[in-house]
Amino acid sequence: MSTSTLSTQKLDTRVLWLGAVAGIISGIPFGILMGMMGMMPMIGMLVGVDSAFVGVLVHAAISAITGAIYSFFAVRFPQTWGVAVIAGVVYGVIWWVLGALILMPALLGMFQNIFVIGTMQWMSLMGHIIFGVVLAVSFLWLYRRAM
């Protein structure tokens, strides 16, 4: 199964669950980095609660959802470690642009900060790339064992 794809198979909901689990796994190192940066209360503010604990819960939910989205696309590509690492980097950068540079400031009403890139955003890029690579590698590992 080293180079198999799902192109001729029906998408199995198990794939989405595997992606969600991989998303939670990959959210752990990213969440630790965000916690060290003091970002968790701001993540909590996405649901209107200025709390690090709520931020952790919101981050876990976002990680699971983005992991499931990743799995939807990932099964259409060759299931190799090299493809996974490249896909993870690309996916991390995509979510950095969408999440950190657009959605987060917009949802927090900080419209003046959309596409503003400073030290925190560069650190966020590093976190998103780590998230993407751990996500892709975790998903591939889980996928190979479950499917």
C-alpha atoms as a PDB file:
ATOM      1  CA  MET A   1       0.000   0.000   0.000  1.00  0.00           C
ATOM      2  CA  SER A   2       2.999   2.303  -0.153  1.00  0.00           C
ATOM      3  CA  THR A   3       1.820   4.251  -3.195  1.00  0.00           C
ATOM      4  CA  SER A   4      -1.920   3.570  -3.206  1.00  0.00           C
ATOM      5  CA  THR A   5      -4.482   6.329  -3.589  1.00  0.00           C
ATOM      6  CA  LEU A   6      -8.207   6.509  -3.080  1.00  0.00           C
ATOM      7  CA  SER A   7      -8.927   7.880  -6.553  1.00  0.00           C
ATOM      8  CA  THR A   8     -11.098   4.931  -7.598  1.00  0.00           C
ATOM      9  CA  GLN A   9     -12.558   4.163  -4.169  1.00  0.00           C
ATOM     10  CA  LYS A  10     -15.448   5.764  -2.341  1.00  0.00           C
ATOM     11  CA  LEU A  11     -14.352   8.100   0.458  1.00  0.00           C
ATOM     12  CA  ASP A  12     -14.785   6.203   3.698  1.00  0.00           C
ATOM     13  CA  THR A  13     -15.842   8.221   6.750  1.00  0.00           C
ATOM     14  CA  ARG A  14     -13.112   6.346   8.643  1.00  0.00           C
ATOM     15  CA  VAL A  15     -10.646   8.463   6.661  1.00  0.00           C
ATOM     16  CA  LEU A  16     -12.179  11.645   8.096  1.00  0.00           C
ATOM     17  CA  TRP A  17     -12.009  10.225  11.629  1.00  0.00           C
ATOM     18  CA  LEU A  18      -8.365   9.266  11.100  1.00  0.00           C
ATOM     19  CA  GLY A  19      -7.719  12.809   9.938  1.00  0.00           C
ATOM     20  CA  ALA A  20      -9.445  14.214  13.021  1.00  0.00           C
ATOM     21  CA  VAL A  21      -7.322  12.018  15.298  1.00  0.00           C
ATOM     22  CA  ALA A  22      -4.163  13.019  13.420  1.00  0.00           C
ATOM     23  CA  GLY A  23      -5.278  16.640  13.784  1.00  0.00           C
ATOM     24  CA  ILE A  24      -5.541  16.303  17.550  1.00  0.00           C
ATOM     25  CA  ILE A  25      -2.137  14.595  17.682  1.00  0.00           C
ATOM     26  CA  SER A  26      -0.569  17.393  15.638  1.00  0.00           C
ATOM     27  CA  GLY A  27      -2.365  20.036  17.670  1.00  0.00           C
ATOM     28  CA  ILE A  28      -0.434  19.010  20.779  1.00  0.00           C
ATOM     29  CA  PRO A  29       3.021  20.366  19.823  1.00  0.00           C
ATOM     30  CA  PHE A  30       1.440  23.413  18.177  1.00  0.00           C
ATOM     31  CA  GLY A  31      -0.706  23.994  21.263  1.00  0.00           C
ATOM     32  CA  ILE A  32       2.366  23.791  23.498  1.00  0.00           C
ATOM     33  CA  LEU A  33       4.074  26.432  21.349  1.00  0.00           C
ATOM     34  CA  MET A  34       0.991  28.664  21.457  1.00  0.00           C
ATOM     35  CA  GLY A  35       0.733  28.186  25.211  1.00  0.00           C
ATOM     36  CA  MET A  36       4.360  29.248  25.623  1.00  0.00           C
ATOM     37  CA  MET A  37       3.558  32.359  23.575  1.00  0.00           C
ATOM     38  CA  GLY A  38       0.545  33.140  25.783  1.00  0.00           C
ATOM     39  CA  MET A  39      -1.891  32.738  22.881  1.00  0.00           C
ATOM     40  CA  MET A  40      -4.441  30.363  24.448  1.00  0.00           C
ATOM     41  CA  PRO A  41      -6.671  33.058  26.002  1.00  0.00           C
ATOM     42  CA  MET A  42      -6.862  34.737  22.573  1.00  0.00           C
ATOM     43  CA  ILE A  43      -7.884  31.403  21.013  1.00  0.00           C
ATOM     44  CA  GLY A  44     -10.613  31.220  23.671  1.00  0.00           C
ATOM     45  CA  MET A  45     -11.790  34.651  22.568  1.00  0.00           C
ATOM     46  CA  LEU A  46     -12.783  33.087  19.233  1.00  0.00           C
ATOM     47  CA  VAL A  47     -15.816  31.797  21.163  1.00  0.00           C
ATOM     48  CA  GLY A  48     -16.069  34.874  23.403  1.00  0.00           C
ATOM     49  CA  VAL A  49     -14.278  33.473  26.488  1.00  0.00           C
ATOM     50  CA  ASP A  50     -10.953  34.962  27.638  1.00  0.00           C
ATOM     51  CA  SER A  51      -9.631  31.712  29.109  1.00  0.00           C
ATOM     52  CA  ALA A  52      -6.571  29.582  28.401  1.00  0.00           C
ATOM     53  CA  PHE A  53      -8.542  26.413  29.210  1.00  0.00           C
ATOM     54  CA  VAL A  54     -11.268  27.320  26.730  1.00  0.00           C
ATOM     55  CA  GLY A  55      -8.522  28.231  24.259  1.00  0.00           C
ATOM     56  CA  VAL A  56      -7.097  24.713  24.568  1.00  0.00           C
ATOM     57  CA  LEU A  57     -10.541  23.219  23.873  1.00  0.00           C
ATOM     58  CA  VAL A  58     -11.116  25.500  20.875  1.00  0.00           C
ATOM     59  CA  HIS A  59      -7.633  24.707  19.571  1.00  0.00           C
ATOM     60  CA  ALA A  60      -8.322  20.955  19.882  1.00  0.00           C
ATOM     61  CA  ALA A  61     -11.588  21.332  17.955  1.00  0.00           C
ATOM     62  CA  ILE A  62      -9.907  23.384  15.229  1.00  0.00           C
ATOM     63  CA  SER A  63      -7.097  20.822  15.048  1.00  0.00           C
ATOM     64  CA  ALA A  64      -9.572  17.953  14.630  1.00  0.00           C
ATOM     65  CA  ILE A  65     -11.549  19.795  11.949  1.00  0.00           C
ATOM     66  CA  THR A  66      -8.466  20.829   9.968  1.00  0.00           C
ATOM     67  CA  GLY A  67      -7.162  17.269  10.296  1.00  0.00           C
ATOM     68  CA  ALA A  68     -10.380  15.866   8.820  1.00  0.00           C
ATOM     69  CA  ILE A  69     -10.187  18.391   5.972  1.00  0.00           C
ATOM     70  CA  TYR A  70      -6.583  17.351   5.333  1.00  0.00           C
ATOM     71  CA  SER A  71      -7.555  13.671   5.170  1.00  0.00           C
ATOM     72  CA  PHE A  72     -10.225  14.414   2.568  1.00  0.00           C
ATOM     73  CA  PHE A  73      -7.506  15.667   0.215  1.00  0.00           C
ATOM     74  CA  ALA A  74      -4.579  13.517   1.368  1.00  0.00           C
ATOM     75  CA  VAL A  75      -6.107  10.204   0.328  1.00  0.00           C
ATOM     76  CA  ARG A  76      -6.102  11.417  -3.264  1.00  0.00           C
ATOM     77  CA  PHE A  77      -2.290  11.583  -3.358  1.00  0.00           C
ATOM     78  CA  PRO A  78       0.317   8.833  -3.180  1.00  0.00           C
ATOM     79  CA  GLN A  79       0.638   7.572   0.386  1.00  0.00           C
ATOM     80  CA  THR A  80       4.408   7.982   0.777  1.00  0.00           C
ATOM     81  CA  TRP A  81       6.415   9.655   3.527  1.00  0.00           C
ATOM     82  CA  GLY A  82       7.952  12.176   1.130  1.00  0.00           C
ATOM     83  CA  VAL A  83       4.577  13.259  -0.214  1.00  0.00           C
ATOM     84  CA  ALA A  84       3.260  13.477   3.347  1.00  0.00           C
ATOM     85  CA  VAL A  85       6.056  15.798   4.492  1.00  0.00           C
ATOM     86  CA  ILE A  86       5.686  18.088   1.463  1.00  0.00           C
ATOM     87  CA  ALA A  87       1.890  18.083   1.773  1.00  0.00           C
ATOM     88  CA  GLY A  88       2.207  18.860   5.477  1.00  0.00           C
ATOM     89  CA  VAL A  89       4.420  21.886   4.865  1.00  0.00           C
ATOM     90  CA  VAL A  90       2.059  23.193   2.178  1.00  0.00           C
ATOM     91  CA  TYR A  91      -1.024  22.546   4.330  1.00  0.00           C
ATOM     92  CA  GLY A  92       0.593  24.297   7.291  1.00  0.00           C
ATOM     93  CA  VAL A  93       1.395  27.371   5.195  1.00  0.00           C
ATOM     94  CA  ILE A  94      -2.164  27.426   3.792  1.00  0.00           C
ATOM     95  CA  TRP A  95      -3.647  27.406   7.296  1.00  0.00           C
ATOM     96  CA  TRP A  96      -1.163  30.028   8.466  1.00  0.00           C
ATOM     97  CA  VAL A  97      -2.435  32.382   5.761  1.00  0.00           C
ATOM     98  CA  LEU A  98      -6.099  31.469   6.266  1.00  0.00           C
ATOM     99  CA  GLY A  99      -6.060  31.148  10.046  1.00  0.00           C
ATOM    100  CA  ALA A 100      -3.381  33.393  11.495  1.00  0.00           C
ATOM    101  CA  LEU A 101      -3.312  36.132   8.871  1.00  0.00           C
ATOM    102  CA  ILE A 102      -6.999  36.348   7.913  1.00  0.00           C
ATOM    103  CA  LEU A 103      -9.574  34.481  10.032  1.00  0.00           C
ATOM    104  CA  MET A 104      -8.183  34.997  13.527  1.00  0.00           C
ATOM    105  CA  PRO A 105      -7.807  38.779  13.287  1.00  0.00           C
ATOM    106  CA  ALA A 106     -11.143  39.079  11.465  1.00  0.00           C
ATOM    107  CA  LEU A 107     -13.052  36.933  13.980  1.00  0.00           C
ATOM    108  CA  LEU A 108     -11.541  38.921  16.844  1.00  0.00           C
ATOM    109  CA  GLY A 109     -12.531  42.217  15.218  1.00  0.00           C
ATOM    110  CA  MET A 110      -8.884  43.174  14.679  1.00  0.00           C
ATOM    111  CA  PHE A 111      -9.295  43.970  10.989  1.00  0.00           C
ATOM    112  CA  GLN A 112      -6.255  46.254  10.989  1.00  0.00           C
ATOM    113  CA  ASN A 113      -4.115  43.157  11.721  1.00  0.00           C
ATOM    114  CA  ILE A 114      -5.205  41.138   8.658  1.00  0.00           C
ATOM    115  CA  PHE A 115      -2.057  40.278   6.668  1.00  0.00           C
ATOM    116  CA  VAL A 116       0.163  42.060   9.199  1.00  0.00           C
ATOM    117  CA  ILE A 117       3.321  40.007   9.660  1.00  0.00           C
ATOM    118  CA  GLY A 118       5.505  40.568  12.699  1.00  0.00           C
ATOM    119  CA  THR A 119       7.477  38.394  15.096  1.00  0.00           C
ATOM    120  CA  MET A 120       4.363  36.619  16.440  1.00  0.00           C
ATOM    121  CA  GLN A 121       3.162  35.787  12.934  1.00  0.00           C
ATOM    122  CA  TRP A 122       6.564  34.331  11.964  1.00  0.00           C
ATOM    123  CA  MET A 123       6.461  32.162  15.081  1.00  0.00           C
ATOM    124  CA  SER A 124       2.924  31.203  14.120  1.00  0.00           C
ATOM    125  CA  LEU A 125       4.186  30.160  10.691  1.00  0.00           C
ATOM    126  CA  MET A 126       6.687  27.850  12.363  1.00  0.00           C
ATOM    127  CA  GLY A 127       3.890  26.400  14.510  1.00  0.00           C
ATOM    128  CA  HIS A 128       1.604  25.898  11.521  1.00  0.00           C
ATOM    129  CA  ILE A 129       4.342  24.120   9.560  1.00  0.00           C
ATOM    130  CA  ILE A 130       5.066  21.857  12.537  1.00  0.00           C
ATOM    131  CA  PHE A 131       1.322  21.213  12.789  1.00  0.00           C
ATOM    132  CA  GLY A 132       1.078  20.395   9.082  1.00  0.00           C
ATOM    133  CA  VAL A 133       4.032  18.009   9.012  1.00  0.00           C
ATOM    134  CA  VAL A 134       3.018  16.187  12.204  1.00  0.00           C
ATOM    135  CA  LEU A 135      -0.546  16.017  10.857  1.00  0.00           C
ATOM    136  CA  ALA A 136       0.483  14.556   7.513  1.00  0.00           C
ATOM    137  CA  VAL A 137       2.904  12.023   8.986  1.00  0.00           C
ATOM    138  CA  SER A 138       0.438  11.020  11.731  1.00  0.00           C
ATOM    139  CA  PHE A 139      -2.356  10.658   9.206  1.00  0.00           C
ATOM    140  CA  LEU A 140      -0.232   8.502   6.913  1.00  0.00           C
ATOM    141  CA  TRP A 141       0.815   6.282   9.819  1.00  0.00           C
ATOM    142  CA  LEU A 142      -2.803   5.887  10.999  1.00  0.00           C
ATOM    143  CA  TYR A 143      -4.106   5.401   7.453  1.00  0.00           C
ATOM    144  CA  ARG A 144      -1.630   2.639   6.658  1.00  0.00           C
ATOM    145  CA  ARG A 145      -2.656   0.742   9.793  1.00  0.00           C
ATOM    146  CA  ALA A 146      -6.409   1.205   9.525  1.00  0.00           C
ATOM    147  CA  MET A 147      -7.162   0.948   5.853  1.00  0.00           C
END
